[in-house]
């Protein structure tokens, strides 16, 4: 058997051994095995990825990024690389880099669970950054995958509230309540939008419904607006 082929077989053996160590949460052992695999086959992209995941597990985030980037150089169309590197960038709170990788996931694999999770992460990033218009757009993308998800409608409604699109808030809360009739948060948010729209009567009805559903945070608002 040619020496190159022998080396490749050994590399696969070490990679498989590394995966077993990882599953047992022996992350340092896994890293060692993946390193042996890479030393034998420097173009084994998945060994870099697995080693990066193991490094992420021990909070060696920069080491993980280096491994994911090495895998990307070998195969720039591997969606898994971008997914895992984006997660590690999130751990580093490097949201700009994470956003770029998540967007690559949506481009490379647009109609998959990976894309759905990427849009969700992007919405979370933009909401935390208070970039509400972009966050609302990303929540809209999620609804293409989950058109009956009350929480997504509610979250998009929150973004619209900050954007002062109060009619839009009411519509999103309507959709949230269509899919979750006891969603106290949606009643409360819709009430706040109706207050802004000078619909005091409608707002109070929603506040009472929110309270009835167990969402007691509305009580101070009720005391202020509802007699």
C-alpha atoms as a PDB file:
ATOM      1  CA  UNK A   1       0.000   0.000   0.000  1.00  0.00           C
ATOM      2  CA  UNK A   2       1.457   3.429  -0.968  1.00  0.00           C
ATOM      3  CA  UNK A   3       2.753   5.524   1.937  1.00  0.00           C
ATOM      4  CA  UNK A   4       0.299   8.358   1.204  1.00  0.00           C
ATOM      5  CA  UNK A   5      -2.658   5.997   1.395  1.00  0.00           C
ATOM      6  CA  UNK A   6      -1.378   4.531   4.667  1.00  0.00           C
ATOM      7  CA  UNK A   7      -1.080   8.033   6.118  1.00  0.00           C
ATOM      8  CA  UNK A   8      -4.622   8.879   5.062  1.00  0.00           C
ATOM      9  CA  UNK A   9      -5.989   5.716   6.681  1.00  0.00           C
ATOM     10  CA  UNK A  10      -4.148   6.548   9.908  1.00  0.00           C
ATOM     11  CA  UNK A  11      -5.487  10.097   9.749  1.00  0.00           C
ATOM     12  CA  UNK A  12      -9.060   8.786   9.498  1.00  0.00           C
ATOM     13  CA  UNK A  13      -8.372   6.488  12.452  1.00  0.00           C
ATOM     14  CA  UNK A  14      -7.177   9.417  14.592  1.00  0.00           C
ATOM     15  CA  UNK A  15     -10.110  11.575  13.509  1.00  0.00           C
ATOM     16  CA  UNK A  16     -12.594   8.828  14.455  1.00  0.00           C
ATOM     17  CA  UNK A  17     -10.787   8.379  17.761  1.00  0.00           C
ATOM     18  CA  UNK A  18     -11.029  12.116  18.365  1.00  0.00           C
ATOM     19  CA  UNK A  19     -14.785  12.033  17.798  1.00  0.00           C
ATOM     20  CA  UNK A  20     -15.115   9.242  20.379  1.00  0.00           C
ATOM     21  CA  UNK A  21     -13.122  11.277  22.901  1.00  0.00           C
ATOM     22  CA  UNK A  22     -15.277  14.330  22.183  1.00  0.00           C
ATOM     23  CA  UNK A  23     -18.498  12.398  22.750  1.00  0.00           C
ATOM     24  CA  UNK A  24     -17.128  11.330  26.129  1.00  0.00           C
ATOM     25  CA  UNK A  25     -16.371  15.017  26.851  1.00  0.00           C
ATOM     26  CA  UNK A  26     -12.657  14.302  26.947  1.00  0.00           C
ATOM     27  CA  UNK A  27     -11.938  17.456  24.977  1.00  0.00           C
ATOM     28  CA  UNK A  28      -8.178  17.566  25.501  1.00  0.00           C
ATOM     29  CA  UNK A  29      -7.901  13.959  24.374  1.00  0.00           C
ATOM     30  CA  UNK A  30     -10.044  14.766  21.352  1.00  0.00           C
ATOM     31  CA  UNK A  31      -7.856  17.738  20.425  1.00  0.00           C
ATOM     32  CA  UNK A  32      -4.758  15.533  20.629  1.00  0.00           C
ATOM     33  CA  UNK A  33      -6.284  12.909  18.319  1.00  0.00           C
ATOM     34  CA  UNK A  34      -7.474  15.494  15.807  1.00  0.00           C
ATOM     35  CA  UNK A  35      -3.997  17.027  15.821  1.00  0.00           C
ATOM     36  CA  UNK A  36      -2.475  13.637  14.972  1.00  0.00           C
ATOM     37  CA  UNK A  37      -4.948  13.358  12.093  1.00  0.00           C
ATOM     38  CA  UNK A  38      -4.049  16.818  10.758  1.00  0.00           C
ATOM     39  CA  UNK A  39      -0.311  16.081  10.997  1.00  0.00           C
ATOM     40  CA  UNK A  40      -0.872  13.070   8.737  1.00  0.00           C
ATOM     41  CA  UNK A  41      -3.324  14.772   6.371  1.00  0.00           C
ATOM     42  CA  UNK A  42      -3.132  18.566   6.375  1.00  0.00           C
ATOM     43  CA  UNK A  43      -6.088  18.797   3.982  1.00  0.00           C
ATOM     44  CA  UNK A  44      -8.539  16.931   6.220  1.00  0.00           C
ATOM     45  CA  UNK A  45     -11.002  19.802   6.656  1.00  0.00           C
ATOM     46  CA  UNK A  46     -13.353  17.979   9.011  1.00  0.00           C
ATOM     47  CA  UNK A  47     -10.477  17.239  11.421  1.00  0.00           C
ATOM     48  CA  UNK A  48      -9.879  20.992  11.677  1.00  0.00           C
ATOM     49  CA  UNK A  49     -13.586  21.565  12.238  1.00  0.00           C
ATOM     50  CA  UNK A  50     -13.869  18.913  14.935  1.00  0.00           C
ATOM     51  CA  UNK A  51     -10.746  20.205  16.640  1.00  0.00           C
ATOM     52  CA  UNK A  52     -12.210  23.689  16.536  1.00  0.00           C
ATOM     53  CA  UNK A  53     -15.415  22.445  18.160  1.00  0.00           C
ATOM     54  CA  UNK A  54     -13.386  20.717  20.886  1.00  0.00           C
ATOM     55  CA  UNK A  55     -11.374  23.905  21.475  1.00  0.00           C
ATOM     56  CA  UNK A  56     -14.597  25.888  21.705  1.00  0.00           C
ATOM     57  CA  UNK A  57     -15.780  23.451  24.383  1.00  0.00           C
ATOM     58  CA  UNK A  58     -12.780  24.365  26.583  1.00  0.00           C
ATOM     59  CA  UNK A  59     -13.212  28.105  25.874  1.00  0.00           C
ATOM     60  CA  UNK A  60     -10.183  28.304  23.581  1.00  0.00           C
ATOM     61  CA  UNK A  61     -12.203  30.494  21.248  1.00  0.00           C
ATOM     62  CA  UNK A  62      -9.297  31.998  19.320  1.00  0.00           C
ATOM     63  CA  UNK A  63      -7.829  28.546  18.728  1.00  0.00           C
ATOM     64  CA  UNK A  64     -11.230  27.388  17.506  1.00  0.00           C
ATOM     65  CA  UNK A  65     -11.481  30.325  15.094  1.00  0.00           C
ATOM     66  CA  UNK A  66      -8.055  29.478  13.694  1.00  0.00           C
ATOM     67  CA  UNK A  67      -9.123  25.888  13.071  1.00  0.00           C
ATOM     68  CA  UNK A  68     -12.422  26.843  11.437  1.00  0.00           C
ATOM     69  CA  UNK A  69     -10.587  29.341   9.224  1.00  0.00           C
ATOM     70  CA  UNK A  70      -8.091  26.639   8.219  1.00  0.00           C
ATOM     71  CA  UNK A  71     -10.994  24.367   7.254  1.00  0.00           C
ATOM     72  CA  UNK A  72     -12.548  27.201   5.247  1.00  0.00           C
ATOM     73  CA  UNK A  73      -9.342  27.553   3.213  1.00  0.00           C
ATOM     74  CA  UNK A  74      -9.626  23.881   2.281  1.00  0.00           C
ATOM     75  CA  UNK A  75     -13.344  24.068   1.419  1.00  0.00           C
ATOM     76  CA  UNK A  76     -14.908  27.528   1.297  1.00  0.00           C
ATOM     77  CA  UNK A  77     -18.367  26.093   0.530  1.00  0.00           C
ATOM     78  CA  UNK A  78     -18.672  23.951   3.640  1.00  0.00           C
ATOM     79  CA  UNK A  79     -21.717  25.340   5.489  1.00  0.00           C
ATOM     80  CA  UNK A  80     -20.694  23.590   8.712  1.00  0.00           C
ATOM     81  CA  UNK A  81     -17.526  25.724   8.897  1.00  0.00           C
ATOM     82  CA  UNK A  82     -19.507  28.969   8.851  1.00  0.00           C
ATOM     83  CA  UNK A  83     -22.089  27.675  11.334  1.00  0.00           C
ATOM     84  CA  UNK A  84     -19.474  26.661  13.904  1.00  0.00           C
ATOM     85  CA  UNK A  85     -17.237  29.684  13.387  1.00  0.00           C
ATOM     86  CA  UNK A  86     -20.224  32.020  13.753  1.00  0.00           C
ATOM     87  CA  UNK A  87     -21.149  30.378  17.066  1.00  0.00           C
ATOM     88  CA  UNK A  88     -17.603  30.850  18.310  1.00  0.00           C
ATOM     89  CA  UNK A  89     -17.593  34.498  17.216  1.00  0.00           C
ATOM     90  CA  UNK A  90     -20.782  34.858  19.273  1.00  0.00           C
ATOM     91  CA  UNK A  91     -18.913  33.463  22.287  1.00  0.00           C
ATOM     92  CA  UNK A  92     -16.234  36.099  21.661  1.00  0.00           C
ATOM     93  CA  UNK A  93     -18.969  38.748  21.324  1.00  0.00           C
ATOM     94  CA  UNK A  94     -17.581  39.586  17.891  1.00  0.00           C
ATOM     95  CA  UNK A  95     -21.041  40.136  16.463  1.00  0.00           C
ATOM     96  CA  UNK A  96     -19.851  41.723  13.230  1.00  0.00           C
ATOM     97  CA  UNK A  97     -17.833  38.625  12.286  1.00  0.00           C
ATOM     98  CA  UNK A  98     -20.638  36.317  13.466  1.00  0.00           C
ATOM     99  CA  UNK A  99     -23.133  38.180  11.289  1.00  0.00           C
ATOM    100  CA  UNK A 100     -20.961  37.735   8.206  1.00  0.00           C
ATOM    101  CA  UNK A 101     -20.696  33.986   8.779  1.00  0.00           C
ATOM    102  CA  UNK A 102     -24.408  33.551   9.494  1.00  0.00           C
ATOM    103  CA  UNK A 103     -25.226  35.412   6.275  1.00  0.00           C
ATOM    104  CA  UNK A 104     -22.914  33.026   4.391  1.00  0.00           C
ATOM    105  CA  UNK A 105     -24.900  30.124   5.838  1.00  0.00           C
ATOM    106  CA  UNK A 106     -28.146  31.605   4.481  1.00  0.00           C
ATOM    107  CA  UNK A 107     -26.568  32.029   1.058  1.00  0.00           C
ATOM    108  CA  UNK A 108     -24.955  28.587   0.840  1.00  0.00           C
ATOM    109  CA  UNK A 109     -27.878  26.645   2.288  1.00  0.00           C
ATOM    110  CA  UNK A 110     -30.981  28.874   2.050  1.00  0.00           C
ATOM    111  CA  UNK A 111     -33.804  26.390   2.653  1.00  0.00           C
ATOM    112  CA  UNK A 112     -32.408  24.342   5.511  1.00  0.00           C
ATOM    113  CA  UNK A 113     -32.540  24.159   9.284  1.00  0.00           C
ATOM    114  CA  UNK A 114     -29.063  25.741   9.295  1.00  0.00           C
ATOM    115  CA  UNK A 115     -30.438  28.786   7.486  1.00  0.00           C
ATOM    116  CA  UNK A 116     -33.417  29.017   9.839  1.00  0.00           C
ATOM    117  CA  UNK A 117     -31.104  28.995  12.874  1.00  0.00           C
ATOM    118  CA  UNK A 118     -28.822  31.518  11.180  1.00  0.00           C
ATOM    119  CA  UNK A 119     -31.700  33.961  10.625  1.00  0.00           C
ATOM    120  CA  UNK A 120     -32.680  33.482  14.269  1.00  0.00           C
ATOM    121  CA  UNK A 121     -29.154  34.293  15.433  1.00  0.00           C
ATOM    122  CA  UNK A 122     -29.006  37.310  13.133  1.00  0.00           C
ATOM    123  CA  UNK A 123     -32.289  38.616  14.550  1.00  0.00           C
ATOM    124  CA  UNK A 124     -30.914  38.150  18.066  1.00  0.00           C
ATOM    125  CA  UNK A 125     -27.715  40.035  17.197  1.00  0.00           C
ATOM    126  CA  UNK A 126     -29.548  42.981  15.679  1.00  0.00           C
ATOM    127  CA  UNK A 127     -32.071  43.141  18.528  1.00  0.00           C
ATOM    128  CA  UNK A 128     -29.245  43.264  21.086  1.00  0.00           C
ATOM    129  CA  UNK A 129     -27.600  46.012  19.052  1.00  0.00           C
ATOM    130  CA  UNK A 130     -30.932  47.898  19.000  1.00  0.00           C
ATOM    131  CA  UNK A 131     -30.852  47.841  15.210  1.00  0.00           C
ATOM    132  CA  UNK A 132     -34.560  47.163  15.160  1.00  0.00           C
ATOM    133  CA  UNK A 133     -35.304  47.542  11.459  1.00  0.00           C
ATOM    134  CA  UNK A 134     -32.740  44.894  10.536  1.00  0.00           C
ATOM    135  CA  UNK A 135     -33.947  42.690  13.405  1.00  0.00           C
ATOM    136  CA  UNK A 136     -37.540  42.961  12.154  1.00  0.00           C
ATOM    137  CA  UNK A 137     -36.415  41.966   8.666  1.00  0.00           C
ATOM    138  CA  UNK A 138     -34.617  38.915  10.070  1.00  0.00           C
ATOM    139  CA  UNK A 139     -37.684  37.894  12.078  1.00  0.00           C
ATOM    140  CA  UNK A 140     -39.627  38.087   8.811  1.00  0.00           C
ATOM    141  CA  UNK A 141     -37.138  35.630   7.320  1.00  0.00           C
ATOM    142  CA  UNK A 142     -37.727  33.238  10.219  1.00  0.00           C
ATOM    143  CA  UNK A 143     -41.483  33.345   9.561  1.00  0.00           C
ATOM    144  CA  UNK A 144     -40.862  31.801   6.144  1.00  0.00           C
ATOM    145  CA  UNK A 145     -39.788  28.695   8.035  1.00  0.00           C
ATOM    146  CA  UNK A 146     -42.199  29.001  10.968  1.00  0.00           C
ATOM    147  CA  UNK A 147     -45.290  30.882   9.726  1.00  0.00           C
ATOM    148  CA  UNK A 148     -47.332  30.056  12.854  1.00  0.00           C
ATOM    149  CA  UNK A 149     -44.738  30.900  15.500  1.00  0.00           C
ATOM    150  CA  UNK A 150     -46.376  33.286  17.963  1.00  0.00           C
ATOM    151  CA  UNK A 151     -43.077  34.220  19.608  1.00  0.00           C
ATOM    152  CA  UNK A 152     -41.563  35.326  16.303  1.00  0.00           C
ATOM    153  CA  UNK A 153     -44.581  37.535  15.557  1.00  0.00           C
ATOM    154  CA  UNK A 154     -44.315  38.969  19.065  1.00  0.00           C
ATOM    155  CA  UNK A 155     -40.588  39.652  18.673  1.00  0.00           C
ATOM    156  CA  UNK A 156     -41.118  41.363  15.334  1.00  0.00           C
ATOM    157  CA  UNK A 157     -43.894  43.371  16.955  1.00  0.00           C
ATOM    158  CA  UNK A 158     -41.478  44.523  19.659  1.00  0.00           C
ATOM    159  CA  UNK A 159     -39.082  45.755  16.968  1.00  0.00           C
ATOM    160  CA  UNK A 160     -41.895  47.641  15.252  1.00  0.00           C
ATOM    161  CA  UNK A 161     -42.837  49.259  18.571  1.00  0.00           C
ATOM    162  CA  UNK A 162     -39.331  50.686  18.882  1.00  0.00           C
ATOM    163  CA  UNK A 163     -39.625  51.855  15.265  1.00  0.00           C
ATOM    164  CA  UNK A 164     -42.930  53.582  16.176  1.00  0.00           C
ATOM    165  CA  UNK A 165     -44.841  51.466  13.654  1.00  0.00           C
ATOM    166  CA  UNK A 166     -47.776  50.997  16.004  1.00  0.00           C
ATOM    167  CA  UNK A 167     -50.188  49.710  13.378  1.00  0.00           C
ATOM    168  CA  UNK A 168     -47.581  47.113  12.499  1.00  0.00           C
ATOM    169  CA  UNK A 169     -47.325  46.159  16.174  1.00  0.00           C
ATOM    170  CA  UNK A 170     -51.081  45.581  16.364  1.00  0.00           C
ATOM    171  CA  UNK A 171     -50.990  43.372  13.252  1.00  0.00           C
ATOM    172  CA  UNK A 172     -48.103  41.273  14.564  1.00  0.00           C
ATOM    173  CA  UNK A 173     -49.745  40.863  17.960  1.00  0.00           C
ATOM    174  CA  UNK A 174     -52.974  39.860  16.206  1.00  0.00           C
ATOM    175  CA  UNK A 175     -51.011  37.094  14.439  1.00  0.00           C
ATOM    176  CA  UNK A 176     -49.292  36.067  17.651  1.00  0.00           C
ATOM    177  CA  UNK A 177     -52.642  35.746  19.398  1.00  0.00           C
ATOM    178  CA  UNK A 178     -54.131  33.809  16.494  1.00  0.00           C
ATOM    179  CA  UNK A 179     -51.499  31.160  17.160  1.00  0.00           C
ATOM    180  CA  UNK A 180     -51.348  31.490  20.964  1.00  0.00           C
ATOM    181  CA  UNK A 181     -54.605  32.814  22.395  1.00  0.00           C
ATOM    182  CA  UNK A 182     -53.232  33.134  25.953  1.00  0.00           C
ATOM    183  CA  UNK A 183     -50.045  35.010  25.111  1.00  0.00           C
ATOM    184  CA  UNK A 184     -50.077  37.670  27.821  1.00  0.00           C
ATOM    185  CA  UNK A 185     -47.037  39.446  26.424  1.00  0.00           C
ATOM    186  CA  UNK A 186     -48.784  39.891  23.073  1.00  0.00           C
ATOM    187  CA  UNK A 187     -51.891  41.341  24.747  1.00  0.00           C
ATOM    188  CA  UNK A 188     -49.682  43.732  26.721  1.00  0.00           C
ATOM    189  CA  UNK A 189     -47.658  44.826  23.697  1.00  0.00           C
ATOM    190  CA  UNK A 190     -50.782  45.341  21.618  1.00  0.00           C
ATOM    191  CA  UNK A 191     -52.251  47.410  24.455  1.00  0.00           C
ATOM    192  CA  UNK A 192     -49.181  49.658  24.505  1.00  0.00           C
ATOM    193  CA  UNK A 193     -49.451  50.143  20.755  1.00  0.00           C
ATOM    194  CA  UNK A 194     -53.151  50.995  21.074  1.00  0.00           C
ATOM    195  CA  UNK A 195     -52.305  53.566  23.750  1.00  0.00           C
ATOM    196  CA  UNK A 196     -49.951  55.202  21.255  1.00  0.00           C
ATOM    197  CA  UNK A 197     -52.777  55.088  18.686  1.00  0.00           C
ATOM    198  CA  UNK A 198     -55.132  56.775  21.180  1.00  0.00           C
ATOM    199  CA  UNK A 199     -57.334  53.677  21.405  1.00  0.00           C
ATOM    200  CA  UNK A 200     -57.643  53.719  25.198  1.00  0.00           C
ATOM    201  CA  UNK A 201     -60.699  51.476  25.309  1.00  0.00           C
ATOM    202  CA  UNK A 202     -59.056  48.826  23.143  1.00  0.00           C
ATOM    203  CA  UNK A 203     -55.858  49.090  25.160  1.00  0.00           C
ATOM    204  CA  UNK A 204     -57.693  48.486  28.451  1.00  0.00           C
ATOM    205  CA  UNK A 205     -59.458  45.430  27.044  1.00  0.00           C
ATOM    206  CA  UNK A 206     -56.067  44.003  26.087  1.00  0.00           C
ATOM    207  CA  UNK A 207     -54.562  44.865  29.454  1.00  0.00           C
ATOM    208  CA  UNK A 208     -57.354  43.006  31.261  1.00  0.00           C
ATOM    209  CA  UNK A 209     -56.830  40.010  28.970  1.00  0.00           C
ATOM    210  CA  UNK A 210     -53.096  40.122  29.658  1.00  0.00           C
ATOM    211  CA  UNK A 211     -53.752  40.145  33.411  1.00  0.00           C
ATOM    212  CA  UNK A 212     -56.272  37.311  33.092  1.00  0.00           C
ATOM    213  CA  UNK A 213     -53.669  35.227  31.258  1.00  0.00           C
ATOM    214  CA  UNK A 214     -51.339  35.643  34.241  1.00  0.00           C
ATOM    215  CA  UNK A 215     -49.137  38.449  32.889  1.00  0.00           C
ATOM    216  CA  UNK A 216     -49.111  40.617  36.028  1.00  0.00           C
ATOM    217  CA  UNK A 217     -46.554  43.110  34.673  1.00  0.00           C
ATOM    218  CA  UNK A 218     -49.486  45.041  33.155  1.00  0.00           C
ATOM    219  CA  UNK A 219     -51.021  45.968  36.533  1.00  0.00           C
ATOM    220  CA  UNK A 220     -49.162  49.332  36.867  1.00  0.00           C
ATOM    221  CA  UNK A 221     -50.230  50.296  33.327  1.00  0.00           C
ATOM    222  CA  UNK A 222     -53.829  49.357  34.096  1.00  0.00           C
ATOM    223  CA  UNK A 223     -53.840  51.581  37.162  1.00  0.00           C
ATOM    224  CA  UNK A 224     -52.610  54.452  35.027  1.00  0.00           C
ATOM    225  CA  UNK A 225     -54.903  54.104  32.005  1.00  0.00           C
ATOM    226  CA  UNK A 226     -57.906  52.010  33.025  1.00  0.00           C
ATOM    227  CA  UNK A 227     -60.504  53.125  35.596  1.00  0.00           C
END
